[in-house]
Amino acid sequence: EGRCTVGTLLQLEHLAATPLGGAVTAETELVEIDRRRLVF
């Protein structure tokens, strides 16, 4: 309680365009924990 996360780095390859009327789904997986640093 009282803790949260803040984003500090984002490496994003935007590979394809999605037009109006479409929908997108983002899926993440926590792959590394280094003390307070979380990598997805």
Full PDB file with SEQRES, HELIX, SHEET, SSBOND, CRYST1, ORIGX, SCALE, CONECT and MASTER records, all heavy atoms in Angstrom:
SEQRES   1 A   40  GLU GLY ARG CYS THR VAL GLY THR LEU LEU GLN LEU GLU          
SEQRES   2 A   40  HIS LEU ALA ALA THR PRO LEU GLY GLY ALA VAL THR ALA          
SEQRES   3 A   40  GLU THR GLU LEU VAL GLU ILE ASP ARG ARG ARG LEU VAL          
SEQRES   4 A   40  PHE                                                          
SHEET    1 AA1 2 GLU A  32  ASP A  34  0                                        
SHEET    2 AA1 2 ARG A  37  VAL A  39 -1                                        
CRYST1    1.000    1.000    1.000  90.00  90.00  90.00 P 1           1          
ORIGX1      1.000000  0.000000  0.000000        0.00000                         
ORIGX2      0.000000  1.000000  0.000000        0.00000                         
ORIGX3      0.000000  0.000000  1.000000        0.00000                         
SCALE1      1.000000  0.000000  0.000000        0.00000                         
SCALE2      0.000000  1.000000  0.000000        0.00000                         
SCALE3      0.000000  0.000000  1.000000        0.00000                         
ATOM      1  N   GLU A   1       0.841  -1.191   0.000  1.00  0.00           N  
ATOM      2  CA  GLU A   1       0.000   0.000   0.000  1.00  0.00           C  
ATOM      3  C   GLU A   1       0.881   1.248   0.000  1.00  0.00           C  
ATOM      4  O   GLU A   1       1.889   1.306   0.704  1.00  0.00           O  
ATOM      5  CB  GLU A   1      -0.916   0.004   1.220  1.00  0.00           C  
ATOM      6  CG  GLU A   1      -1.940   1.103   1.162  1.00  0.00           C  
ATOM      7  CD  GLU A   1      -2.983   0.990   2.253  1.00  0.00           C  
ATOM      8  OE1 GLU A   1      -3.227  -0.138   2.721  1.00  0.00           O  
ATOM      9  OE2 GLU A   1      -3.538   2.031   2.617  1.00  0.00           O  
ATOM     10  N   GLY A   2       0.512   2.228  -0.814  1.00  0.00           N  
ATOM     11  CA  GLY A   2       1.268   3.471  -0.908  1.00  0.00           C  
ATOM     12  C   GLY A   2       2.366   3.444  -1.952  1.00  0.00           C  
ATOM     13  O   GLY A   2       3.010   4.453  -2.207  1.00  0.00           O  
ATOM     14  N   ARG A   3       2.572   2.300  -2.550  1.00  0.00           N  
ATOM     15  CA  ARG A   3       3.593   2.187  -3.600  1.00  0.00           C  
ATOM     16  C   ARG A   3       2.919   2.047  -4.961  1.00  0.00           C  
ATOM     17  O   ARG A   3       1.794   1.567  -5.066  1.00  0.00           O  
ATOM     18  CB  ARG A   3       4.506   0.991  -3.353  1.00  0.00           C  
ATOM     19  CG  ARG A   3       5.312   1.147  -2.083  1.00  0.00           C  
ATOM     20  CD  ARG A   3       6.504   0.211  -2.056  1.00  0.00           C  
ATOM     21  NE  ARG A   3       7.273   0.405  -0.853  1.00  0.00           N  
ATOM     22  CZ  ARG A   3       8.319   1.225  -0.758  1.00  0.00           C  
ATOM     23  NH1 ARG A   3       8.713   1.909  -1.789  1.00  0.00           N  
ATOM     24  NH2 ARG A   3       8.976   1.347   0.384  1.00  0.00           N  
ATOM     25  N   CYS A   4       3.645   2.489  -5.974  1.00  0.00           N  
ATOM     26  CA  CYS A   4       3.179   2.356  -7.353  1.00  0.00           C  
ATOM     27  C   CYS A   4       4.411   2.279  -8.241  1.00  0.00           C  
ATOM     28  O   CYS A   4       5.533   2.258  -7.743  1.00  0.00           O  
ATOM     29  CB  CYS A   4       2.284   3.541  -7.750  1.00  0.00           C  
ATOM     30  SG  CYS A   4       3.134   5.124  -7.753  1.00  0.00           S  
ATOM     31  N   THR A   5       4.210   2.221  -9.543  1.00  0.00           N  
ATOM     32  CA  THR A   5       5.346   2.216 -10.454  1.00  0.00           C  
ATOM     33  C   THR A   5       5.269   3.427 -11.365  1.00  0.00           C  
ATOM     34  O   THR A   5       4.189   3.941 -11.650  1.00  0.00           O  
ATOM     35  CB  THR A   5       5.396   0.934 -11.319  1.00  0.00           C  
ATOM     36  OG1 THR A   5       4.223   0.859 -12.131  1.00  0.00           O  
ATOM     37  CG2 THR A   5       5.516  -0.315 -10.461  1.00  0.00           C  
ATOM     38  N   VAL A   6       6.436   3.857 -11.814  1.00  0.00           N  
ATOM     39  CA  VAL A   6       6.529   4.946 -12.785  1.00  0.00           C  
ATOM     40  C   VAL A   6       7.388   4.474 -13.951  1.00  0.00           C  
ATOM     41  O   VAL A   6       8.368   3.753 -13.763  1.00  0.00           O  
ATOM     42  CB  VAL A   6       7.117   6.237 -12.162  1.00  0.00           C  
ATOM     43  CG1 VAL A   6       6.186   6.811 -11.109  1.00  0.00           C  
ATOM     44  CG2 VAL A   6       8.501   6.006 -11.582  1.00  0.00           C  
ATOM     45  N   GLY A   7       6.993   4.872 -15.148  1.00  0.00           N  
ATOM     46  CA  GLY A   7       7.744   4.501 -16.338  1.00  0.00           C  
ATOM     47  C   GLY A   7       9.023   5.306 -16.442  1.00  0.00           C  
ATOM     48  O   GLY A   7       9.032   6.509 -16.183  1.00  0.00           O  
ATOM     49  N   THR A   8      10.121   4.628 -16.814  1.00  0.00           N  
ATOM     50  CA  THR A   8      11.410   5.303 -16.941  1.00  0.00           C  
ATOM     51  C   THR A   8      12.081   5.059 -18.288  1.00  0.00           C  
ATOM     52  O   THR A   8      12.973   5.805 -18.667  1.00  0.00           O  
ATOM     53  CB  THR A   8      12.374   4.851 -15.830  1.00  0.00           C  
ATOM     54  OG1 THR A   8      12.516   3.429 -15.882  1.00  0.00           O  
ATOM     55  CG2 THR A   8      11.867   5.275 -14.460  1.00  0.00           C  
ATOM     56  N   LEU A   9      11.674   4.028 -19.001  1.00  0.00           N  
ATOM     57  CA  LEU A   9      12.294   3.728 -20.296  1.00  0.00           C  
ATOM     58  C   LEU A   9      11.286   2.980 -21.154  1.00  0.00           C  
ATOM     59  O   LEU A   9      10.583   2.085 -20.654  1.00  0.00           O  
ATOM     60  CB  LEU A   9      13.541   2.854 -20.102  1.00  0.00           C  
ATOM     61  CG  LEU A   9      14.260   2.402 -21.368  1.00  0.00           C  
ATOM     62  CD1 LEU A   9      14.935   3.588 -22.057  1.00  0.00           C  
ATOM     63  CD2 LEU A   9      15.284   1.333 -21.044  1.00  0.00           C  
ATOM     64  N   LEU A  10      11.236   3.346 -22.415  1.00  0.00           N  
ATOM     65  CA  LEU A  10      10.371   2.633 -23.358  1.00  0.00           C  
ATOM     66  C   LEU A  10      11.103   2.524 -24.684  1.00  0.00           C  
ATOM     67  O   LEU A  10      11.446   3.534 -25.292  1.00  0.00           O  
ATOM     68  CB  LEU A  10       9.040   3.379 -23.543  1.00  0.00           C  
ATOM     69  CG  LEU A  10       8.026   2.702 -24.441  1.00  0.00           C  
ATOM     70  CD1 LEU A  10       7.531   1.391 -23.829  1.00  0.00           C  
ATOM     71  CD2 LEU A  10       6.854   3.618 -24.703  1.00  0.00           C  
ATOM     72  N   GLN A  11      11.384   1.292 -25.094  1.00  0.00           N  
ATOM     73  CA  GLN A  11      11.970   1.018 -26.402  1.00  0.00           C  
ATOM     74  C   GLN A  11      10.868   0.375 -27.224  1.00  0.00           C  
ATOM     75  O   GLN A  11      10.452  -0.748 -26.936  1.00  0.00           O  
ATOM     76  CB  GLN A  11      13.161   0.085 -26.276  1.00  0.00           C  
ATOM     77  CG  GLN A  11      14.294   0.694 -25.476  1.00  0.00           C  
ATOM     78  CD  GLN A  11      15.393  -0.304 -25.187  1.00  0.00           C  
ATOM     79  OE1 GLN A  11      15.129  -1.455 -24.855  1.00  0.00           O  
ATOM     80  NE2 GLN A  11      16.621   0.140 -25.310  1.00  0.00           N  
ATOM     81  N   LEU A  12      10.372   1.105 -28.214  1.00  0.00           N  
ATOM     82  CA  LEU A  12       9.183   0.696 -28.943  1.00  0.00           C  
ATOM     83  C   LEU A  12       9.456   0.699 -30.440  1.00  0.00           C  
ATOM     84  O   LEU A  12       9.895   1.705 -30.986  1.00  0.00           O  
ATOM     85  CB  LEU A  12       8.044   1.673 -28.615  1.00  0.00           C  
ATOM     86  CG  LEU A  12       6.670   1.380 -29.170  1.00  0.00           C  
ATOM     87  CD1 LEU A  12       5.615   1.903 -28.222  1.00  0.00           C  
ATOM     88  CD2 LEU A  12       6.468   2.010 -30.533  1.00  0.00           C  
ATOM     89  N   GLU A  13       9.224  -0.436 -31.078  1.00  0.00           N  
ATOM     90  CA  GLU A  13       9.241  -0.510 -32.538  1.00  0.00           C  
ATOM     91  C   GLU A  13       7.790  -0.515 -33.000  1.00  0.00           C  
ATOM     92  O   GLU A  13       7.060  -1.464 -32.718  1.00  0.00           O  
ATOM     93  CB  GLU A  13       9.897  -1.810 -33.011  1.00  0.00           C  
ATOM     94  CG  GLU A  13      11.377  -1.896 -32.792  1.00  0.00           C  
ATOM     95  CD  GLU A  13      11.898  -3.213 -33.339  1.00  0.00           C  
ATOM     96  OE1 GLU A  13      12.136  -3.310 -34.559  1.00  0.00           O  
ATOM     97  OE2 GLU A  13      12.010  -4.157 -32.528  1.00  0.00           O  
ATOM     98  N   HIS A  14       7.379   0.547 -33.675  1.00  0.00           N  
ATOM     99  CA  HIS A  14       6.012   0.625 -34.206  1.00  0.00           C  
ATOM    100  C   HIS A  14       6.089   0.111 -35.633  1.00  0.00           C  
ATOM    101  O   HIS A  14       6.550   0.798 -36.532  1.00  0.00           O  
ATOM    102  CB  HIS A  14       5.510   2.064 -34.136  1.00  0.00           C  
ATOM    103  CG  HIS A  14       4.031   2.182 -34.252  1.00  0.00           C  
ATOM    104  ND1 HIS A  14       3.362   3.346 -33.949  1.00  0.00           N  
ATOM    105  CD2 HIS A  14       3.065   1.297 -34.639  1.00  0.00           C  
ATOM    106  CE1 HIS A  14       2.064   3.187 -34.144  1.00  0.00           C  
ATOM    107  NE2 HIS A  14       1.873   1.946 -34.560  1.00  0.00           N  
ATOM    108  N   LEU A  15       5.591  -1.102 -35.856  1.00  0.00           N  
ATOM    109  CA  LEU A  15       5.827  -1.842 -37.090  1.00  0.00           C  
ATOM    110  C   LEU A  15       4.729  -1.724 -38.133  1.00  0.00           C  
ATOM    111  O   LEU A  15       4.978  -1.947 -39.321  1.00  0.00           O  
ATOM    112  CB  LEU A  15       6.010  -3.332 -36.754  1.00  0.00           C  
ATOM    113  CG  LEU A  15       7.086  -3.625 -35.712  1.00  0.00           C  
ATOM    114  CD1 LEU A  15       6.956  -5.059 -35.218  1.00  0.00           C  
ATOM    115  CD2 LEU A  15       8.454  -3.355 -36.293  1.00  0.00           C  
ATOM    116  N   ALA A  16       3.510  -1.426 -37.719  1.00  0.00           N  
ATOM    117  CA  ALA A  16       2.385  -1.398 -38.658  1.00  0.00           C  
ATOM    118  C   ALA A  16       1.340  -0.397 -38.189  1.00  0.00           C  
ATOM    119  O   ALA A  16       1.189  -0.160 -36.989  1.00  0.00           O  
ATOM    120  CB  ALA A  16       1.756  -2.789 -38.785  1.00  0.00           C  
ATOM    121  N   ALA A  17       0.617   0.165 -39.140  1.00  0.00           N  
ATOM    122  CA  ALA A  17      -0.430   1.145 -38.835  1.00  0.00           C  
ATOM    123  C   ALA A  17      -1.764   0.451 -38.617  1.00  0.00           C  
ATOM    124  O   ALA A  17      -2.106  -0.491 -39.331  1.00  0.00           O  
ATOM    125  CB  ALA A  17      -0.551   2.146 -39.971  1.00  0.00           C  
ATOM    126  N   THR A  18      -2.516   0.943 -37.632  1.00  0.00           N  
ATOM    127  CA  THR A  18      -3.865   0.449 -37.380  1.00  0.00           C  
ATOM    128  C   THR A  18      -4.831   1.598 -37.674  1.00  0.00           C  
ATOM    129  O   THR A  18      -4.713   2.676 -37.100  1.00  0.00           O  
ATOM    130  CB  THR A  18      -4.026  -0.015 -35.918  1.00  0.00           C  
ATOM    131  OG1 THR A  18      -3.024  -1.010 -35.641  1.00  0.00           O  
ATOM    132  CG2 THR A  18      -5.399  -0.614 -35.683  1.00  0.00           C  
ATOM    133  N   PRO A  19      -5.806   1.365 -38.581  1.00  0.00           N  
ATOM    134  CA  PRO A  19      -6.704   2.443 -38.997  1.00  0.00           C  
ATOM    135  C   PRO A  19      -7.835   2.699 -37.999  1.00  0.00           C  
ATOM    136  O   PRO A  19      -8.082   1.896 -37.090  1.00  0.00           O  
ATOM    137  CB  PRO A  19      -7.275   1.914 -40.315  1.00  0.00           C  
ATOM    138  CG  PRO A  19      -7.301   0.432 -40.121  1.00  0.00           C  
ATOM    139  CD  PRO A  19      -6.059   0.130 -39.311  1.00  0.00           C  
ATOM    140  N   LEU A  20      -8.505   3.825 -38.194  1.00  0.00           N  
ATOM    141  CA  LEU A  20      -9.715   4.133 -37.428  1.00  0.00           C  
ATOM    142  C   LEU A  20     -10.672   2.952 -37.481  1.00  0.00           C  
ATOM    143  O   LEU A  20     -10.802   2.303 -38.523  1.00  0.00           O  
ATOM    144  CB  LEU A  20     -10.425   5.348 -38.027  1.00  0.00           C  
ATOM    145  CG  LEU A  20      -9.913   6.716 -37.604  1.00  0.00           C  
ATOM    146  CD1 LEU A  20     -10.544   7.787 -38.467  1.00  0.00           C  
ATOM    147  CD2 LEU A  20     -10.200   6.956 -36.145  1.00  0.00           C  
ATOM    148  N   GLY A  21     -11.325   2.686 -36.367  1.00  0.00           N  
ATOM    149  CA  GLY A  21     -12.276   1.580 -36.309  1.00  0.00           C  
ATOM    150  C   GLY A  21     -11.646   0.270 -35.890  1.00  0.00           C  
ATOM    151  O   GLY A  21     -12.350  -0.655 -35.506  1.00  0.00           O  
ATOM    152  N   GLY A  22     -10.319   0.181 -35.956  1.00  0.00           N  
ATOM    153  CA  GLY A  22      -9.637  -1.026 -35.511  1.00  0.00           C  
ATOM    154  C   GLY A  22      -9.491  -1.030 -33.995  1.00  0.00           C  
ATOM    155  O   GLY A  22      -9.968  -0.133 -33.303  1.00  0.00           O  
ATOM    156  N   ALA A  23      -8.830  -2.024 -33.508  1.00  0.00           N  
ATOM    157  CA  ALA A  23      -8.542  -2.115 -32.068  1.00  0.00           C  
ATOM    158  C   ALA A  23      -7.178  -2.760 -31.903  1.00  0.00           C  
ATOM    159  O   ALA A  23      -6.740  -3.533 -32.757  1.00  0.00           O  
ATOM    160  CB  ALA A  23      -9.603  -2.943 -31.354  1.00  0.00           C  
ATOM    161  N   VAL A  24      -6.509  -2.417 -30.817  1.00  0.00           N  
ATOM    162  CA  VAL A  24      -5.205  -3.000 -30.523  1.00  0.00           C  
ATOM    163  C   VAL A  24      -5.193  -3.562 -29.103  1.00  0.00           C  
ATOM    164  O   VAL A  24      -5.894  -3.070 -28.228  1.00  0.00           O  
ATOM    165  CB  VAL A  24      -4.055  -1.981 -30.691  1.00  0.00           C  
ATOM    166  CG1 VAL A  24      -3.821  -1.659 -32.151  1.00  0.00           C  
ATOM    167  CG2 VAL A  24      -4.305  -0.721 -29.902  1.00  0.00           C  
ATOM    168  N   THR A  25      -4.375  -4.583 -28.926  1.00  0.00           N  
ATOM    169  CA  THR A  25      -4.193  -5.210 -27.623  1.00  0.00           C  
ATOM    170  C   THR A  25      -2.713  -5.223 -27.287  1.00  0.00           C  
ATOM    171  O   THR A  25      -1.905  -5.747 -28.065  1.00  0.00           O  
ATOM    172  CB  THR A  25      -4.723  -6.660 -27.634  1.00  0.00           C  
ATOM    173  OG1 THR A  25      -6.098  -6.644 -27.993  1.00  0.00           O  
ATOM    174  CG2 THR A  25      -4.548  -7.326 -26.283  1.00  0.00           C  
ATOM    175  N   ALA A  26      -2.367  -4.642 -26.158  1.00  0.00           N  
ATOM    176  CA  ALA A  26      -0.993  -4.682 -25.657  1.00  0.00           C  
ATOM    177  C   ALA A  26      -0.887  -5.790 -24.628  1.00  0.00           C  
ATOM    178  O   ALA A  26      -1.737  -5.901 -23.745  1.00  0.00           O  
ATOM    179  CB  ALA A  26      -0.617  -3.349 -25.023  1.00  0.00           C  
ATOM    180  N   GLU A  27       0.145  -6.606 -24.752  1.00  0.00           N  
ATOM    181  CA  GLU A  27       0.404  -7.669 -23.789  1.00  0.00           C  
ATOM    182  C   GLU A  27       1.822  -7.502 -23.269  1.00  0.00           C  
ATOM    183  O   GLU A  27       2.760  -7.356 -24.051  1.00  0.00           O  
ATOM    184  CB  GLU A  27       0.213  -9.038 -24.426  1.00  0.00           C  
ATOM    185  CG  GLU A  27      -1.241  -9.263 -24.826  1.00  0.00           C  
ATOM    186  CD  GLU A  27      -1.505 -10.645 -25.396  1.00  0.00           C  
ATOM    187  OE1 GLU A  27      -0.552 -11.287 -25.885  1.00  0.00           O  
ATOM    188  OE2 GLU A  27      -2.668 -11.064 -25.336  1.00  0.00           O  
ATOM    189  N   THR A  28       1.956  -7.492 -21.944  1.00  0.00           N  
ATOM    190  CA  THR A  28       3.257  -7.328 -21.310  1.00  0.00           C  
ATOM    191  C   THR A  28       3.584  -8.553 -20.477  1.00  0.00           C  
ATOM    192  O   THR A  28       2.699  -9.268 -20.017  1.00  0.00           O  
ATOM    193  CB  THR A  28       3.268  -6.080 -20.396  1.00  0.00           C  
ATOM    194  OG1 THR A  28       2.297  -6.245 -19.368  1.00  0.00           O  
ATOM    195  CG2 THR A  28       2.992  -4.815 -21.180  1.00  0.00           C  
ATOM    196  N   GLU A  29       4.880  -8.759 -20.279  1.00  0.00           N  
ATOM    197  CA  GLU A  29       5.346  -9.794 -19.363  1.00  0.00           C  
ATOM    198  C   GLU A  29       6.512  -9.243 -18.565  1.00  0.00           C  
ATOM    199  O   GLU A  29       7.467  -8.700 -19.146  1.00  0.00           O  
ATOM    200  CB  GLU A  29       5.796 -11.052 -20.111  1.00  0.00           C  
ATOM    201  CG  GLU A  29       6.280 -12.132 -19.158  1.00  0.00           C  
ATOM    202  CD  GLU A  29       6.751 -13.403 -19.847  1.00  0.00           C  
ATOM    203  OE1 GLU A  29       6.698 -13.475 -21.083  1.00  0.00           O  
ATOM    204  OE2 GLU A  29       7.184 -14.319 -19.121  1.00  0.00           O  
ATOM    205  N   LEU A  30       6.436  -9.364 -17.251  1.00  0.00           N  
ATOM    206  CA  LEU A  30       7.527  -8.951 -16.383  1.00  0.00           C  
ATOM    207  C   LEU A  30       8.651  -9.977 -16.532  1.00  0.00           C  
ATOM    208  O   LEU A  30       8.479 -11.142 -16.176  1.00  0.00           O  
ATOM    209  CB  LEU A  30       7.050  -8.861 -14.933  1.00  0.00           C  
ATOM    210  CG  LEU A  30       8.055  -8.407 -13.891  1.00  0.00           C  
ATOM    211  CD1 LEU A  30       8.646  -7.043 -14.219  1.00  0.00           C  
ATOM    212  CD2 LEU A  30       7.399  -8.396 -12.514  1.00  0.00           C  
ATOM    213  N   VAL A  31       9.779  -9.546 -17.104  1.00  0.00           N  
ATOM    214  CA  VAL A  31      10.858 -10.485 -17.404  1.00  0.00           C  
ATOM    215  C   VAL A  31      12.085 -10.323 -16.517  1.00  0.00           C  
ATOM    216  O   VAL A  31      12.954 -11.201 -16.501  1.00  0.00           O  
ATOM    217  CB  VAL A  31      11.280 -10.400 -18.893  1.00  0.00           C  
ATOM    218  CG1 VAL A  31      10.146 -10.857 -19.795  1.00  0.00           C  
ATOM    219  CG2 VAL A  31      11.754  -9.005 -19.275  1.00  0.00           C  
ATOM    220  N   GLU A  32      12.160  -9.208 -15.782  1.00  0.00           N  
ATOM    221  CA  GLU A  32      13.325  -8.998 -14.922  1.00  0.00           C  
ATOM    222  C   GLU A  32      12.941  -8.097 -13.754  1.00  0.00           C  
ATOM    223  O   GLU A  32      12.202  -7.131 -13.924  1.00  0.00           O  
ATOM    224  CB  GLU A  32      14.452  -8.344 -15.722  1.00  0.00           C  
ATOM    225  CG  GLU A  32      15.730  -8.108 -14.960  1.00  0.00           C  
ATOM    226  CD  GLU A  32      16.782  -7.389 -15.802  1.00  0.00           C  
ATOM    227  OE1 GLU A  32      16.717  -7.407 -17.042  1.00  0.00           O  
ATOM    228  OE2 GLU A  32      17.680  -6.787 -15.174  1.00  0.00           O  
ATOM    229  N   ILE A  33      13.469  -8.439 -12.588  1.00  0.00           N  
ATOM    230  CA  ILE A  33      13.302  -7.611 -11.398  1.00  0.00           C  
ATOM    231  C   ILE A  33      14.690  -7.371 -10.816  1.00  0.00           C  
ATOM    232  O   ILE A  33      15.414  -8.312 -10.509  1.00  0.00           O  
ATOM    233  CB  ILE A  33      12.412  -8.304 -10.334  1.00  0.00           C  
ATOM    234  CG1 ILE A  33      11.041  -8.631 -10.913  1.00  0.00           C  
ATOM    235  CG2 ILE A  33      12.286  -7.434  -9.087  1.00  0.00           C  
ATOM    236  CD1 ILE A  33      10.196  -9.542 -10.028  1.00  0.00           C  
ATOM    237  N   ASP A  34      15.057  -6.090 -10.713  1.00  0.00           N  
ATOM    238  CA  ASP A  34      16.343  -5.711 -10.139  1.00  0.00           C  
ATOM    239  C   ASP A  34      16.065  -4.669  -9.067  1.00  0.00           C  
ATOM    240  O   ASP A  34      15.941  -3.478  -9.356  1.00  0.00           O  
ATOM    241  CB  ASP A  34      17.260  -5.145 -11.223  1.00  0.00           C  
ATOM    242  CG  ASP A  34      18.620  -4.730 -10.698  1.00  0.00           C  
ATOM    243  OD1 ASP A  34      18.959  -5.084  -9.536  1.00  0.00           O  
ATOM    244  OD2 ASP A  34      19.348  -4.043 -11.434  1.00  0.00           O  
ATOM    245  N   ARG A  35      15.876  -5.132  -7.837  1.00  0.00           N  
ATOM    246  CA  ARG A  35      15.456  -4.297  -6.705  1.00  0.00           C  
ATOM    247  C   ARG A  35      14.150  -3.585  -7.057  1.00  0.00           C  
ATOM    248  O   ARG A  35      13.119  -4.223  -7.150  1.00  0.00           O  
ATOM    249  CB  ARG A  35      16.567  -3.340  -6.291  1.00  0.00           C  
ATOM    250  CG  ARG A  35      17.791  -4.067  -5.733  1.00  0.00           C  
ATOM    251  CD  ARG A  35      18.877  -3.108  -5.401  1.00  0.00           C  
ATOM    252  NE  ARG A  35      19.393  -2.479  -6.602  1.00  0.00           N  
ATOM    253  CZ  ARG A  35      20.611  -2.649  -7.077  1.00  0.00           C  
ATOM    254  NH1 ARG A  35      21.446  -3.409  -6.436  1.00  0.00           N  
ATOM    255  NH2 ARG A  35      21.006  -2.065  -8.168  1.00  0.00           N  
ATOM    256  N   ARG A  36      14.186  -2.274  -7.280  1.00  0.00           N  
ATOM    257  CA  ARG A  36      12.957  -1.533  -7.581  1.00  0.00           C  
ATOM    258  C   ARG A  36      12.705  -1.400  -9.085  1.00  0.00           C  
ATOM    259  O   ARG A  36      11.663  -0.918  -9.492  1.00  0.00           O  
ATOM    260  CB  ARG A  36      13.020  -0.129  -6.961  1.00  0.00           C  
ATOM    261  CG  ARG A  36      13.076  -0.147  -5.442  1.00  0.00           C  
ATOM    262  CD  ARG A  36      13.013   1.245  -4.810  1.00  0.00           C  
ATOM    263  NE  ARG A  36      13.974   2.175  -5.357  1.00  0.00           N  
ATOM    264  CZ  ARG A  36      13.658   3.347  -5.930  1.00  0.00           C  
ATOM    265  NH1 ARG A  36      12.418   3.745  -6.008  1.00  0.00           N  
ATOM    266  NH2 ARG A  36      14.611   4.139  -6.395  1.00  0.00           N  
ATOM    267  N   ARG A  37      13.653  -1.823  -9.909  1.00  0.00           N  
ATOM    268  CA  ARG A  37      13.523  -1.719 -11.368  1.00  0.00           C  
ATOM    269  C   ARG A  37      12.834  -2.961 -11.922  1.00  0.00           C  
ATOM    270  O   ARG A  37      13.245  -4.081 -11.658  1.00  0.00           O  
ATOM    271  CB  ARG A  37      14.890  -1.554 -12.023  1.00  0.00           C  
ATOM    272  CG  ARG A  37      14.814  -1.344 -13.534  1.00  0.00           C  
ATOM    273  CD  ARG A  37      16.200  -1.079 -14.105  1.00  0.00           C  
ATOM    274  NE  ARG A  37      17.030  -2.261 -14.005  1.00  0.00           N  
ATOM    275  CZ  ARG A  37      17.236  -3.125 -15.004  1.00  0.00           C  
ATOM    276  NH1 ARG A  37      16.695  -2.936 -16.186  1.00  0.00           N  
ATOM    277  NH2 ARG A  37      17.992  -4.180 -14.806  1.00  0.00           N  
ATOM    278  N   LEU A  38      11.776  -2.729 -12.686  1.00  0.00           N  
ATOM    279  CA  LEU A  38      11.013  -3.815 -13.311  1.00  0.00           C  
ATOM    280  C   LEU A  38      11.157  -3.696 -14.821  1.00  0.00           C  
ATOM    281  O   LEU A  38      10.978  -2.603 -15.383  1.00  0.00           O  
ATOM    282  CB  LEU A  38       9.536  -3.716 -12.933  1.00  0.00           C  
ATOM    283  CG  LEU A  38       9.210  -3.572 -11.448  1.00  0.00           C  
ATOM    284  CD1 LEU A  38       7.703  -3.446 -11.258  1.00  0.00           C  
ATOM    285  CD2 LEU A  38       9.772  -4.739 -10.657  1.00  0.00           C  
ATOM    286  N   VAL A  39      11.437  -4.804 -15.492  1.00  0.00           N  
ATOM    287  CA  VAL A  39      11.604  -4.805 -16.935  1.00  0.00           C  
ATOM    288  C   VAL A  39      10.526  -5.690 -17.554  1.00  0.00           C  
ATOM    289  O   VAL A  39      10.356  -6.846 -17.158  1.00  0.00           O  
ATOM    290  CB  VAL A  39      13.003  -5.319 -17.349  1.00  0.00           C  
ATOM    291  CG1 VAL A  39      13.159  -5.297 -18.868  1.00  0.00           C  
ATOM    292  CG2 VAL A  39      14.102  -4.505 -16.675  1.00  0.00           C  
ATOM    293  N   PHE A  40       9.828  -5.125 -18.530  1.00  0.00           N  
ATOM    294  CA  PHE A  40       8.754  -5.821 -19.230  1.00  0.00           C  
ATOM    295  C   PHE A  40       9.105  -5.985 -20.700  1.00  0.00           C  
ATOM    296  O   PHE A  40       9.635  -5.056 -21.317  1.00  0.00           O  
ATOM    297  CB  PHE A  40       7.453  -5.009 -19.168  1.00  0.00           C  
ATOM    298  CG  PHE A  40       6.918  -4.780 -17.786  1.00  0.00           C  
ATOM    299  CD1 PHE A  40       7.396  -3.737 -17.015  1.00  0.00           C  
ATOM    300  CD2 PHE A  40       5.933  -5.605 -17.265  1.00  0.00           C  
ATOM    301  CE1 PHE A  40       6.898  -3.507 -15.743  1.00  0.00           C  
ATOM    302  CE2 PHE A  40       5.434  -5.384 -15.992  1.00  0.00           C  
ATOM    303  CZ  PHE A  40       5.919  -4.337 -15.226  1.00  0.00           C  
TER     304      PHE A  40                                                      
MASTER        0    0    0    0    2    0    0    6  303    1    0    4          
END                                                                             
